[in-house]
């Protein structure tokens, strides 16, 4: 799961932040971590694969997500920002 997210966001750290923190609109604004915990990992993986394939609801939305994740990263781990 994190490998697919890392390919989308270009960073292991951003993928981890996304997994734990970012609400996903198509899943009623639940974070990936919550989806996996509730047994919805397969659905989440299909969603990530659709984003990788360039399906709708991907790059424009995910670019906004990436900006929010960077803001979270700066707040949580300022030493990681270069």
Protein backbone atom coordinates (compact mmCIF):
# COMPACT_ATOMS: atom_id res chain seq x y z
CA UNK A 1 0.00 0.00 0.00
CA UNK A 2 2.68 2.46 0.99
CA UNK A 3 4.73 1.59 -2.10
CA UNK A 4 1.85 2.63 -4.36
CA UNK A 5 1.38 5.84 -2.39
CA UNK A 6 5.11 6.52 -2.57
CA UNK A 7 5.00 6.23 -6.36
CA UNK A 8 2.16 8.76 -6.45
CA UNK A 9 3.69 11.27 -4.07
CA UNK A 10 7.35 10.74 -4.86
CA UNK A 11 8.44 10.34 -1.26
CA UNK A 12 8.24 7.64 1.38
CA UNK A 13 7.69 10.24 4.06
CA UNK A 14 4.84 11.93 2.16
CA UNK A 15 3.28 8.51 1.55
CA UNK A 16 3.37 7.78 5.29
CA UNK A 17 1.82 11.13 6.13
CA UNK A 18 -0.89 10.53 3.52
CA UNK A 19 -1.56 7.05 4.92
CA UNK A 20 -1.98 8.26 8.50
CA UNK A 21 -3.37 11.78 8.12
CA UNK A 22 -5.09 12.61 4.84
CA UNK A 23 -8.86 12.20 4.55
CA UNK A 24 -9.83 10.67 1.19
CA UNK A 25 -12.98 12.21 -0.25
CA UNK A 26 -14.18 9.11 -2.12
CA UNK A 27 -14.06 7.12 1.14
CA UNK A 28 -16.19 9.53 3.17
CA UNK A 29 -13.07 11.46 4.20
CA UNK A 30 -11.50 8.56 6.08
CA UNK A 31 -7.72 8.23 6.15
CA UNK A 32 -6.07 5.25 4.46
CA UNK A 33 -5.01 3.91 7.85
CA UNK A 34 -8.64 3.82 8.99
CA UNK A 35 -9.72 2.07 5.80
CA UNK A 36 -7.10 -0.64 6.23
CA UNK A 37 -8.05 -1.09 9.89
CA UNK A 38 -11.70 -1.55 8.91
CA UNK A 39 -10.89 -4.23 6.32
CA UNK A 40 -11.09 -2.03 3.22
CA UNK A 41 -7.47 -2.41 2.08
CA UNK A 42 -8.46 -3.99 -1.24
CA UNK A 43 -10.72 -1.05 -2.08
CA UNK A 44 -7.99 1.38 -1.13
CA UNK A 45 -5.47 -0.42 -3.32
CA UNK A 46 -7.86 -0.24 -6.28
CA UNK A 47 -8.22 3.48 -5.64
CA UNK A 48 -4.44 3.97 -5.61
CA UNK A 49 -4.09 1.92 -8.78
CA UNK A 50 -6.72 4.07 -10.49
CA UNK A 51 -4.79 7.19 -9.50
CA UNK A 52 -1.58 5.69 -10.87
CA UNK A 53 -3.38 4.86 -14.11
CA UNK A 54 -4.52 8.45 -14.47
CA UNK A 55 -8.19 7.98 -13.76
CA UNK A 56 -10.36 10.97 -12.84
CA UNK A 57 -10.08 12.33 -9.31
CA UNK A 58 -6.35 12.01 -9.36
CA UNK A 59 -3.72 14.54 -10.28
CA UNK A 60 -5.58 17.77 -9.58
CA UNK A 61 -6.91 16.48 -6.29
CA UNK A 62 -3.71 14.70 -5.37
CA UNK A 63 -1.58 17.77 -6.08
CA UNK A 64 -3.65 19.60 -3.47
CA UNK A 65 -3.17 16.65 -1.12
CA UNK A 66 0.59 16.81 -1.65
CA UNK A 67 0.64 20.49 -0.65
CA UNK A 68 -1.31 19.73 2.53
CA UNK A 69 1.01 16.82 3.34
CA UNK A 70 4.06 19.03 2.97
CA UNK A 71 2.45 21.50 5.39
CA UNK A 72 1.87 18.64 7.86
CA UNK A 73 5.45 17.48 7.38
CA UNK A 74 6.80 20.96 8.13
CA UNK A 75 4.73 21.05 11.30
CA UNK A 76 5.58 17.53 12.51
CA UNK A 77 9.17 17.12 11.33
CA UNK A 78 10.73 20.46 10.43
CA UNK A 79 14.17 18.83 10.36
CA UNK A 80 13.04 16.71 7.40
CA UNK A 81 12.36 19.73 5.19
CA UNK A 82 15.25 20.66 2.97
